[in-house]
Amino acid sequence: MTQSSDITYAGYLALDDLLSAQHPLSDEHDEMLFVVIHQTKELWLKQILHEVALAQTMVRSGDLVPAYKSLARVSRIQAVMTQSWDILSTMTPSDYLRFRGSLGSSSGFQSDQFRRFEAMLGLKDSSFLKFHVDRPQAHEALKAAIAAPSLYDDALAQLAIAGLPVPVSVLNRDVTQPYEPSEAVEAAWLEVYRDTERWWPLYQLAEKLVDLDDALLTWRHKHVVTVERIIGRRRGTGGTEGAAYLASTLTKRCFPELWSLRTKL
């Protein structure tokens, strides 16, 4: 067993492994930035998944207030990830085109951790599974996230436990499928927002969820702008329509009733 006095900074963080994981495929200077930015995003996504899993455990057990910390931490991480697009945008179109051909069909579109994050928030889409058949562990983790209740499913279950009128059809829905907005669920959340003192823990949980959705939308928007700045309207390396595909994701909402209720308050 290693003694604590023998642990070094580099050893504790496995820096030799971490700093030897960058393998640009060209001699172009800017490819290193491209690799580091995306690897950093994946590290932050690992932490996000760690936090959301804890928050779900707490929410499912009815411990709403302790869950706020993990959810707030995720929002802060999302803000850092969004800011990283500003660093990437220092790379000009000419810089990127010098090594773009080296990327082949690889694309951030294929990030299994990002798709797991979406699934855990309620954006279920099994069509992404096909991108991970060559990585069994990643494939199974994404498949499990799609099959499990989402954070929003957990929140709606707590609404029902508190005595608010959430339809049985919503509580017993097929959680592998995308969530469909419900007027009855909106009405239940409206009751929470109209009497915040009575429903304070649920009200604060709802606002933490909106924080996550807001941050995700901000990240998507900045992604679109950065892609347009660097490659314009070219097709993406993964075969998508590039900026056009990314722009289409801006209409997605993980917690739709928490947005729509604001019009009716």
C-alpha atoms as a PDB file:
ATOM      1  CA  MET A   1       0.000   0.000   0.000  1.00  0.00           C
ATOM      2  CA  THR A   2       1.328   3.429  -0.980  1.00  0.00           C
ATOM      3  CA  GLN A   3       2.049   5.721   1.967  1.00  0.00           C
ATOM      4  CA  SER A   4       0.513   9.194   1.743  1.00  0.00           C
ATOM      5  CA  SER A   5       3.960  10.723   2.170  1.00  0.00           C
ATOM      6  CA  ASP A   6       5.059   8.972  -1.034  1.00  0.00           C
ATOM      7  CA  ILE A   7       2.280  10.411  -3.161  1.00  0.00           C
ATOM      8  CA  THR A   8       3.421  13.174  -5.494  1.00  0.00           C
ATOM      9  CA  TYR A   9       1.331  15.706  -7.421  1.00  0.00           C
ATOM     10  CA  ALA A  10       2.190  14.054 -10.735  1.00  0.00           C
ATOM     11  CA  GLY A  11       1.573  10.584  -9.360  1.00  0.00           C
ATOM     12  CA  TYR A  12      -1.771  11.421  -7.775  1.00  0.00           C
ATOM     13  CA  LEU A  13      -3.037  12.992 -11.003  1.00  0.00           C
ATOM     14  CA  ALA A  14      -1.407  10.411 -13.282  1.00  0.00           C
ATOM     15  CA  LEU A  15       0.074  13.308 -15.213  1.00  0.00           C
ATOM     16  CA  ASP A  16       2.398  11.167 -17.315  1.00  0.00           C
ATOM     17  CA  ASP A  17      -0.634   9.277 -18.637  1.00  0.00           C
ATOM     18  CA  LEU A  18      -2.770  12.397 -18.987  1.00  0.00           C
ATOM     19  CA  LEU A  19      -0.162  14.509 -20.775  1.00  0.00           C
ATOM     20  CA  SER A  20       0.851  11.714 -23.123  1.00  0.00           C
ATOM     21  CA  ALA A  21      -2.738  11.231 -24.358  1.00  0.00           C
ATOM     22  CA  GLN A  22      -2.550  13.951 -27.040  1.00  0.00           C
ATOM     23  CA  HIS A  23      -1.768  12.518 -30.460  1.00  0.00           C
ATOM     24  CA  PRO A  24      -2.256  15.068 -33.275  1.00  0.00           C
ATOM     25  CA  LEU A  25      -2.297  13.382 -36.666  1.00  0.00           C
ATOM     26  CA  SER A  26      -0.679  16.245 -38.555  1.00  0.00           C
ATOM     27  CA  ASP A  27       2.235  18.621 -38.033  1.00  0.00           C
ATOM     28  CA  GLU A  28      -0.072  21.641 -37.943  1.00  0.00           C
ATOM     29  CA  HIS A  29       0.350  23.791 -34.829  1.00  0.00           C
ATOM     30  CA  ASP A  30      -3.380  24.334 -34.211  1.00  0.00           C
ATOM     31  CA  GLU A  31      -4.305  20.666 -34.124  1.00  0.00           C
ATOM     32  CA  MET A  32      -2.937  20.407 -30.581  1.00  0.00           C
ATOM     33  CA  LEU A  33      -5.450  23.052 -29.462  1.00  0.00           C
ATOM     34  CA  PHE A  34      -8.247  21.123 -31.162  1.00  0.00           C
ATOM     35  CA  VAL A  35      -7.268  17.912 -29.361  1.00  0.00           C
ATOM     36  CA  VAL A  36      -6.827  19.526 -25.947  1.00  0.00           C
ATOM     37  CA  ILE A  37     -10.140  21.416 -26.128  1.00  0.00           C
ATOM     38  CA  HIS A  38     -12.082  18.263 -26.934  1.00  0.00           C
ATOM     39  CA  GLN A  39     -10.274  16.087 -24.413  1.00  0.00           C
ATOM     40  CA  THR A  40     -10.933  18.707 -21.742  1.00  0.00           C
ATOM     41  CA  LYS A  41     -14.628  18.713 -22.625  1.00  0.00           C
ATOM     42  CA  GLU A  42     -14.722  14.947 -22.199  1.00  0.00           C
ATOM     43  CA  LEU A  43     -13.102  15.241 -18.754  1.00  0.00           C
ATOM     44  CA  TRP A  44     -15.702  17.804 -17.724  1.00  0.00           C
ATOM     45  CA  LEU A  45     -18.459  15.566 -19.097  1.00  0.00           C
ATOM     46  CA  LYS A  46     -17.111  12.744 -16.940  1.00  0.00           C
ATOM     47  CA  GLN A  47     -17.531  14.979 -13.882  1.00  0.00           C
ATOM     48  CA  ILE A  48     -20.993  16.085 -15.044  1.00  0.00           C
ATOM     49  CA  LEU A  49     -22.158  12.471 -15.313  1.00  0.00           C
ATOM     50  CA  HIS A  50     -20.733  11.823 -11.840  1.00  0.00           C
ATOM     51  CA  GLU A  51     -22.709  14.772 -10.405  1.00  0.00           C
ATOM     52  CA  VAL A  52     -25.985  14.052 -12.205  1.00  0.00           C
ATOM     53  CA  ALA A  53     -25.885  10.423 -11.045  1.00  0.00           C
ATOM     54  CA  LEU A  54     -25.556  11.595  -7.435  1.00  0.00           C
ATOM     55  CA  ALA A  55     -28.318  14.162  -7.882  1.00  0.00           C
ATOM     56  CA  GLN A  56     -30.646  11.481  -9.276  1.00  0.00           C
ATOM     57  CA  THR A  57     -29.950   9.211  -6.308  1.00  0.00           C
ATOM     58  CA  MET A  58     -30.833  12.045  -3.930  1.00  0.00           C
ATOM     59  CA  VAL A  59     -33.951  13.148  -5.796  1.00  0.00           C
ATOM     60  CA  ARG A  60     -35.244   9.584  -6.018  1.00  0.00           C
ATOM     61  CA  SER A  61     -34.910   9.238  -2.252  1.00  0.00           C
ATOM     62  CA  GLY A  62     -36.696  12.552  -1.676  1.00  0.00           C
ATOM     63  CA  ASP A  63     -33.562  14.427  -0.541  1.00  0.00           C
ATOM     64  CA  LEU A  64     -34.175  17.406  -2.802  1.00  0.00           C
ATOM     65  CA  VAL A  65     -32.173  20.063  -0.970  1.00  0.00           C
ATOM     66  CA  PRO A  66     -28.872  18.106  -0.891  1.00  0.00           C
ATOM     67  CA  ALA A  67     -29.264  17.513  -4.643  1.00  0.00           C
ATOM     68  CA  TYR A  68     -29.050  21.248  -5.328  1.00  0.00           C
ATOM     69  CA  LYS A  69     -25.282  21.276  -4.766  1.00  0.00           C
ATOM     70  CA  SER A  70     -24.527  18.722  -7.471  1.00  0.00           C
ATOM     71  CA  LEU A  71     -26.940  20.368  -9.907  1.00  0.00           C
ATOM     72  CA  ALA A  72     -25.424  23.806  -9.259  1.00  0.00           C
ATOM     73  CA  ARG A  73     -21.962  22.338  -9.825  1.00  0.00           C
ATOM     74  CA  VAL A  74     -23.056  20.942 -13.188  1.00  0.00           C
ATOM     75  CA  SER A  75     -24.292  24.387 -14.230  1.00  0.00           C
ATOM     76  CA  ARG A  76     -20.903  25.890 -13.360  1.00  0.00           C
ATOM     77  CA  ILE A  77     -19.107  23.220 -15.358  1.00  0.00           C
ATOM     78  CA  GLN A  78     -21.406  23.881 -18.306  1.00  0.00           C
ATOM     79  CA  ALA A  79     -20.433  27.562 -18.159  1.00  0.00           C
ATOM     80  CA  VAL A  80     -16.737  26.649 -18.330  1.00  0.00           C
ATOM     81  CA  MET A  81     -17.395  24.348 -21.284  1.00  0.00           C
ATOM     82  CA  THR A  82     -19.225  27.145 -23.087  1.00  0.00           C
ATOM     83  CA  GLN A  83     -16.325  29.552 -22.508  1.00  0.00           C
ATOM     84  CA  SER A  84     -13.956  27.048 -24.088  1.00  0.00           C
ATOM     85  CA  TRP A  85     -15.543  27.755 -27.475  1.00  0.00           C
ATOM     86  CA  ASP A  86     -13.980  31.227 -27.254  1.00  0.00           C
ATOM     87  CA  ILE A  87     -10.558  29.612 -27.031  1.00  0.00           C
ATOM     88  CA  LEU A  88     -11.262  27.371 -30.016  1.00  0.00           C
ATOM     89  CA  SER A  89     -12.467  30.365 -32.033  1.00  0.00           C
ATOM     90  CA  THR A  90      -8.921  31.796 -31.972  1.00  0.00           C
ATOM     91  CA  MET A  91      -8.297  29.166 -34.649  1.00  0.00           C
ATOM     92  CA  THR A  92      -9.078  30.627 -38.074  1.00  0.00           C
ATOM     93  CA  PRO A  93     -10.737  28.778 -40.970  1.00  0.00           C
ATOM     94  CA  SER A  94      -7.369  28.550 -42.719  1.00  0.00           C
ATOM     95  CA  ASP A  95      -5.780  27.072 -39.586  1.00  0.00           C
ATOM     96  CA  TYR A  96      -8.462  24.399 -39.295  1.00  0.00           C
ATOM     97  CA  LEU A  97      -8.556  23.440 -42.948  1.00  0.00           C
ATOM     98  CA  ARG A  98      -4.854  22.597 -42.821  1.00  0.00           C
ATOM     99  CA  PHE A  99      -5.556  19.544 -40.637  1.00  0.00           C
ATOM    100  CA  ARG A 100      -9.296  18.914 -41.041  1.00  0.00           C
ATOM    101  CA  GLY A 101      -8.643  16.082 -43.479  1.00  0.00           C
ATOM    102  CA  SER A 102      -6.770  14.195 -40.746  1.00  0.00           C
ATOM    103  CA  LEU A 103      -9.968  13.915 -38.667  1.00  0.00           C
ATOM    104  CA  GLY A 104     -11.626  11.483 -41.067  1.00  0.00           C
ATOM    105  CA  SER A 105     -15.203  10.774 -39.997  1.00  0.00           C
ATOM    106  CA  SER A 106     -14.601  11.590 -36.327  1.00  0.00           C
ATOM    107  CA  SER A 107     -16.903  14.223 -34.841  1.00  0.00           C
ATOM    108  CA  GLY A 108     -18.076  15.537 -31.490  1.00  0.00           C
ATOM    109  CA  PHE A 109     -21.473  14.315 -32.697  1.00  0.00           C
ATOM    110  CA  GLN A 110     -20.185  10.871 -31.669  1.00  0.00           C
ATOM    111  CA  SER A 111     -19.416  11.725 -28.014  1.00  0.00           C
ATOM    112  CA  ASP A 112     -21.003   8.958 -25.944  1.00  0.00           C
ATOM    113  CA  GLN A 113     -20.625  10.971 -22.724  1.00  0.00           C
ATOM    114  CA  PHE A 114     -22.513  13.934 -24.170  1.00  0.00           C
ATOM    115  CA  ARG A 115     -25.302  11.602 -25.322  1.00  0.00           C
ATOM    116  CA  ARG A 116     -25.415  10.036 -21.859  1.00  0.00           C
ATOM    117  CA  PHE A 117     -25.758  13.500 -20.357  1.00  0.00           C
ATOM    118  CA  GLU A 118     -28.654  14.271 -22.703  1.00  0.00           C
ATOM    119  CA  ALA A 119     -30.318  10.945 -21.852  1.00  0.00           C
ATOM    120  CA  MET A 120     -29.955  11.517 -18.120  1.00  0.00           C
ATOM    121  CA  LEU A 121     -31.703  14.876 -18.552  1.00  0.00           C
ATOM    122  CA  GLY A 122     -34.487  13.257 -20.579  1.00  0.00           C
ATOM    123  CA  LEU A 123     -33.447  13.672 -24.218  1.00  0.00           C
ATOM    124  CA  LYS A 124     -33.649  10.001 -25.204  1.00  0.00           C
ATOM    125  CA  ASP A 125     -32.525   8.951 -28.693  1.00  0.00           C
ATOM    126  CA  SER A 126     -31.457   5.350 -29.287  1.00  0.00           C
ATOM    127  CA  SER A 127     -30.254   6.193 -32.812  1.00  0.00           C
ATOM    128  CA  PHE A 128     -26.950   7.340 -31.296  1.00  0.00           C
ATOM    129  CA  LEU A 129     -26.169   3.833 -30.048  1.00  0.00           C
ATOM    130  CA  LYS A 130     -24.903   2.773 -33.466  1.00  0.00           C
ATOM    131  CA  PHE A 131     -21.928   5.120 -33.167  1.00  0.00           C
ATOM    132  CA  HIS A 132     -20.529   3.160 -30.220  1.00  0.00           C
ATOM    133  CA  VAL A 133     -20.746  -0.503 -31.207  1.00  0.00           C
ATOM    134  CA  ASP A 134     -16.936  -0.582 -31.467  1.00  0.00           C
ATOM    135  CA  ARG A 135     -16.677   0.421 -27.793  1.00  0.00           C
ATOM    136  CA  PRO A 136     -18.793  -2.072 -25.816  1.00  0.00           C
ATOM    137  CA  GLN A 137     -18.437  -0.331 -22.460  1.00  0.00           C
ATOM    138  CA  ALA A 138     -19.489   3.045 -23.858  1.00  0.00           C
ATOM    139  CA  HIS A 139     -22.314   1.401 -25.791  1.00  0.00           C
ATOM    140  CA  GLU A 140     -23.674  -0.323 -22.683  1.00  0.00           C
ATOM    141  CA  ALA A 141     -23.395   2.845 -20.581  1.00  0.00           C
ATOM    142  CA  LEU A 142     -25.378   4.853 -23.128  1.00  0.00           C
ATOM    143  CA  LYS A 143     -27.917   2.055 -23.521  1.00  0.00           C
ATOM    144  CA  ALA A 144     -28.383   1.953 -19.730  1.00  0.00           C
ATOM    145  CA  ALA A 145     -28.867   5.739 -19.578  1.00  0.00           C
ATOM    146  CA  ILE A 146     -31.554   5.552 -22.256  1.00  0.00           C
ATOM    147  CA  ALA A 147     -33.316   2.684 -20.443  1.00  0.00           C
ATOM    148  CA  ALA A 148     -33.300   4.373 -17.024  1.00  0.00           C
ATOM    149  CA  PRO A 149     -35.649   7.087 -15.723  1.00  0.00           C
ATOM    150  CA  SER A 150     -34.242  10.547 -16.389  1.00  0.00           C
ATOM    151  CA  LEU A 151     -33.646  13.291 -13.855  1.00  0.00           C
ATOM    152  CA  TYR A 152     -36.920  14.839 -15.025  1.00  0.00           C
ATOM    153  CA  ASP A 153     -38.767  11.544 -14.509  1.00  0.00           C
ATOM    154  CA  ASP A 154     -37.383  11.535 -10.970  1.00  0.00           C
ATOM    155  CA  ALA A 155     -38.538  15.121 -10.391  1.00  0.00           C
ATOM    156  CA  LEU A 156     -42.044  14.337 -11.657  1.00  0.00           C
ATOM    157  CA  ALA A 157     -42.215  11.325  -9.345  1.00  0.00           C
ATOM    158  CA  GLN A 158     -41.432  13.659  -6.437  1.00  0.00           C
ATOM    159  CA  LEU A 159     -44.213  15.999  -7.553  1.00  0.00           C
ATOM    160  CA  ALA A 160     -46.626  13.085  -7.327  1.00  0.00           C
ATOM    161  CA  ILE A 161     -45.292  11.930  -3.947  1.00  0.00           C
ATOM    162  CA  ALA A 162     -45.842  15.463  -2.639  1.00  0.00           C
ATOM    163  CA  GLY A 163     -49.504  15.177  -3.641  1.00  0.00           C
ATOM    164  CA  LEU A 164     -49.502  17.206  -6.819  1.00  0.00           C
ATOM    165  CA  PRO A 165     -51.653  15.880  -9.698  1.00  0.00           C
ATOM    166  CA  VAL A 166     -49.216  14.197 -12.078  1.00  0.00           C
ATOM    167  CA  PRO A 167     -51.035  11.791 -14.440  1.00  0.00           C
ATOM    168  CA  VAL A 168     -50.393   8.075 -13.962  1.00  0.00           C
ATOM    169  CA  SER A 169     -49.750   7.850 -17.697  1.00  0.00           C
ATOM    170  CA  VAL A 170     -46.793  10.195 -17.261  1.00  0.00           C
ATOM    171  CA  LEU A 171     -45.465   8.411 -14.185  1.00  0.00           C
ATOM    172  CA  ASN A 172     -45.705   5.021 -15.889  1.00  0.00           C
ATOM    173  CA  ARG A 173     -44.549   6.080 -19.348  1.00  0.00           C
ATOM    174  CA  ASP A 174     -41.939   4.204 -21.388  1.00  0.00           C
ATOM    175  CA  VAL A 175     -38.821   6.035 -20.187  1.00  0.00           C
ATOM    176  CA  THR A 176     -36.781   4.856 -23.174  1.00  0.00           C
ATOM    177  CA  GLN A 177     -38.809   7.188 -25.374  1.00  0.00           C
ATOM    178  CA  PRO A 178     -38.510  10.973 -25.684  1.00  0.00           C
ATOM    179  CA  TYR A 179     -40.602  12.825 -23.118  1.00  0.00           C
ATOM    180  CA  GLU A 180     -43.789  14.420 -24.471  1.00  0.00           C
ATOM    181  CA  PRO A 181     -44.984  17.671 -22.831  1.00  0.00           C
ATOM    182  CA  SER A 182     -48.157  17.387 -20.752  1.00  0.00           C
ATOM    183  CA  GLU A 183     -50.663  20.110 -19.904  1.00  0.00           C
ATOM    184  CA  ALA A 184     -51.407  18.300 -16.644  1.00  0.00           C
ATOM    185  CA  VAL A 185     -47.714  18.314 -15.693  1.00  0.00           C
ATOM    186  CA  GLU A 186     -47.541  22.000 -16.552  1.00  0.00           C
ATOM    187  CA  ALA A 187     -50.542  22.602 -14.266  1.00  0.00           C
ATOM    188  CA  ALA A 188     -48.795  20.736 -11.425  1.00  0.00           C
ATOM    189  CA  TRP A 189     -45.651  22.836 -11.807  1.00  0.00           C
ATOM    190  CA  LEU A 190     -47.804  25.975 -11.997  1.00  0.00           C
ATOM    191  CA  GLU A 191     -49.189  25.143  -8.575  1.00  0.00           C
ATOM    192  CA  VAL A 192     -45.610  24.965  -7.274  1.00  0.00           C
ATOM    193  CA  TYR A 193     -44.693  28.332  -8.801  1.00  0.00           C
ATOM    194  CA  ARG A 194     -47.871  30.018  -7.547  1.00  0.00           C
ATOM    195  CA  ASP A 195     -47.211  28.995  -3.953  1.00  0.00           C
ATOM    196  CA  THR A 196     -43.439  28.880  -3.659  1.00  0.00           C
ATOM    197  CA  GLU A 197     -43.380  29.028   0.147  1.00  0.00           C
ATOM    198  CA  ARG A 198     -45.466  25.876   0.425  1.00  0.00           C
ATOM    199  CA  TRP A 199     -43.530  24.011  -2.237  1.00  0.00           C
ATOM    200  CA  TRP A 200     -40.085  25.580  -1.713  1.00  0.00           C
ATOM    201  CA  PRO A 201     -37.940  22.403  -2.159  1.00  0.00           C
ATOM    202  CA  LEU A 202     -39.752  21.508  -5.408  1.00  0.00           C
ATOM    203  CA  TYR A 203     -39.625  25.118  -6.584  1.00  0.00           C
ATOM    204  CA  GLN A 204     -35.869  25.305  -6.029  1.00  0.00           C
ATOM    205  CA  LEU A 205     -35.384  21.925  -7.720  1.00  0.00           C
ATOM    206  CA  ALA A 206     -37.319  23.215 -10.733  1.00  0.00           C
ATOM    207  CA  GLU A 207     -35.109  26.302 -10.967  1.00  0.00           C
ATOM    208  CA  LYS A 208     -31.964  24.155 -10.752  1.00  0.00           C
ATOM    209  CA  LEU A 209     -33.321  22.101 -13.659  1.00  0.00           C
ATOM    210  CA  VAL A 210     -33.964  25.251 -15.680  1.00  0.00           C
ATOM    211  CA  ASP A 211     -30.381  26.294 -14.963  1.00  0.00           C
ATOM    212  CA  LEU A 212     -29.180  23.049 -16.571  1.00  0.00           C
ATOM    213  CA  ASP A 213     -31.415  23.479 -19.612  1.00  0.00           C
ATOM    214  CA  ASP A 214     -30.450  27.139 -19.974  1.00  0.00           C
ATOM    215  CA  ALA A 215     -26.736  26.295 -19.801  1.00  0.00           C
ATOM    216  CA  LEU A 216     -27.134  23.475 -22.323  1.00  0.00           C
ATOM    217  CA  LEU A 217     -28.909  25.793 -24.761  1.00  0.00           C
ATOM    218  CA  THR A 218     -26.223  28.441 -24.280  1.00  0.00           C
ATOM    219  CA  TRP A 219     -23.546  25.817 -24.977  1.00  0.00           C
ATOM    220  CA  ARG A 220     -25.362  24.687 -28.134  1.00  0.00           C
ATOM    221  CA  HIS A 221     -25.742  28.255 -29.370  1.00  0.00           C
ATOM    222  CA  LYS A 222     -22.068  29.055 -28.844  1.00  0.00           C
ATOM    223  CA  HIS A 223     -21.198  25.801 -30.598  1.00  0.00           C
ATOM    224  CA  VAL A 224     -23.211  26.886 -33.645  1.00  0.00           C
ATOM    225  CA  VAL A 225     -21.555  30.309 -33.739  1.00  0.00           C
ATOM    226  CA  THR A 226     -18.066  28.810 -33.382  1.00  0.00           C
ATOM    227  CA  VAL A 227     -18.663  26.247 -36.134  1.00  0.00           C
ATOM    228  CA  GLU A 228     -20.019  28.936 -38.479  1.00  0.00           C
ATOM    229  CA  ARG A 229     -17.016  31.113 -37.707  1.00  0.00           C
ATOM    230  CA  ILE A 230     -14.534  28.342 -38.521  1.00  0.00           C
ATOM    231  CA  ILE A 231     -16.158  26.279 -41.306  1.00  0.00           C
ATOM    232  CA  GLY A 232     -19.190  28.292 -42.357  1.00  0.00           C
ATOM    233  CA  ARG A 233     -21.983  26.081 -43.690  1.00  0.00           C
ATOM    234  CA  ARG A 234     -19.770  23.163 -44.736  1.00  0.00           C
ATOM    235  CA  ARG A 235     -20.887  19.639 -43.803  1.00  0.00           C
ATOM    236  CA  GLY A 236     -19.508  18.320 -40.522  1.00  0.00           C
ATOM    237  CA  THR A 237     -16.736  15.719 -40.392  1.00  0.00           C
ATOM    238  CA  GLY A 238     -19.153  13.124 -39.003  1.00  0.00           C
ATOM    239  CA  GLY A 239     -21.479  13.431 -41.986  1.00  0.00           C
ATOM    240  CA  THR A 240     -23.933  15.849 -40.365  1.00  0.00           C
ATOM    241  CA  GLU A 241     -25.008  19.118 -41.949  1.00  0.00           C
ATOM    242  CA  GLY A 242     -22.597  20.971 -39.676  1.00  0.00           C
ATOM    243  CA  ALA A 243     -23.898  24.302 -38.403  1.00  0.00           C
ATOM    244  CA  ALA A 244     -27.355  23.602 -39.847  1.00  0.00           C
ATOM    245  CA  TYR A 245     -27.668  20.413 -37.765  1.00  0.00           C
ATOM    246  CA  LEU A 246     -26.392  22.170 -34.649  1.00  0.00           C
ATOM    247  CA  ALA A 247     -28.860  25.026 -35.154  1.00  0.00           C
ATOM    248  CA  SER A 248     -31.707  22.507 -35.279  1.00  0.00           C
ATOM    249  CA  THR A 249     -30.864  21.370 -31.734  1.00  0.00           C
ATOM    250  CA  LEU A 250     -31.552  24.837 -30.299  1.00  0.00           C
ATOM    251  CA  THR A 251     -35.269  24.054 -30.051  1.00  0.00           C
ATOM    252  CA  LYS A 252     -34.710  21.102 -27.703  1.00  0.00           C
ATOM    253  CA  ARG A 253     -35.897  21.444 -24.105  1.00  0.00           C
ATOM    254  CA  CYS A 254     -35.153  18.840 -21.434  1.00  0.00           C
ATOM    255  CA  PHE A 255     -37.845  20.143 -19.092  1.00  0.00           C
ATOM    256  CA  PRO A 256     -40.494  21.655 -21.406  1.00  0.00           C
ATOM    257  CA  GLU A 257     -43.198  22.474 -18.859  1.00  0.00           C
ATOM    258  CA  LEU A 258     -40.740  24.467 -16.754  1.00  0.00           C
ATOM    259  CA  TRP A 259     -40.419  26.796 -19.736  1.00  0.00           C
ATOM    260  CA  SER A 260     -44.030  26.886 -20.910  1.00  0.00           C
ATOM    261  CA  LEU A 261     -45.491  27.592 -17.456  1.00  0.00           C
ATOM    262  CA  ARG A 262     -43.813  30.988 -17.408  1.00  0.00           C
ATOM    263  CA  THR A 263     -46.280  32.293 -19.975  1.00  0.00           C
ATOM    264  CA  LYS A 264     -49.205  31.305 -17.727  1.00  0.00           C
ATOM    265  CA  LEU A 265     -47.950  32.561 -14.370  1.00  0.00           C
END
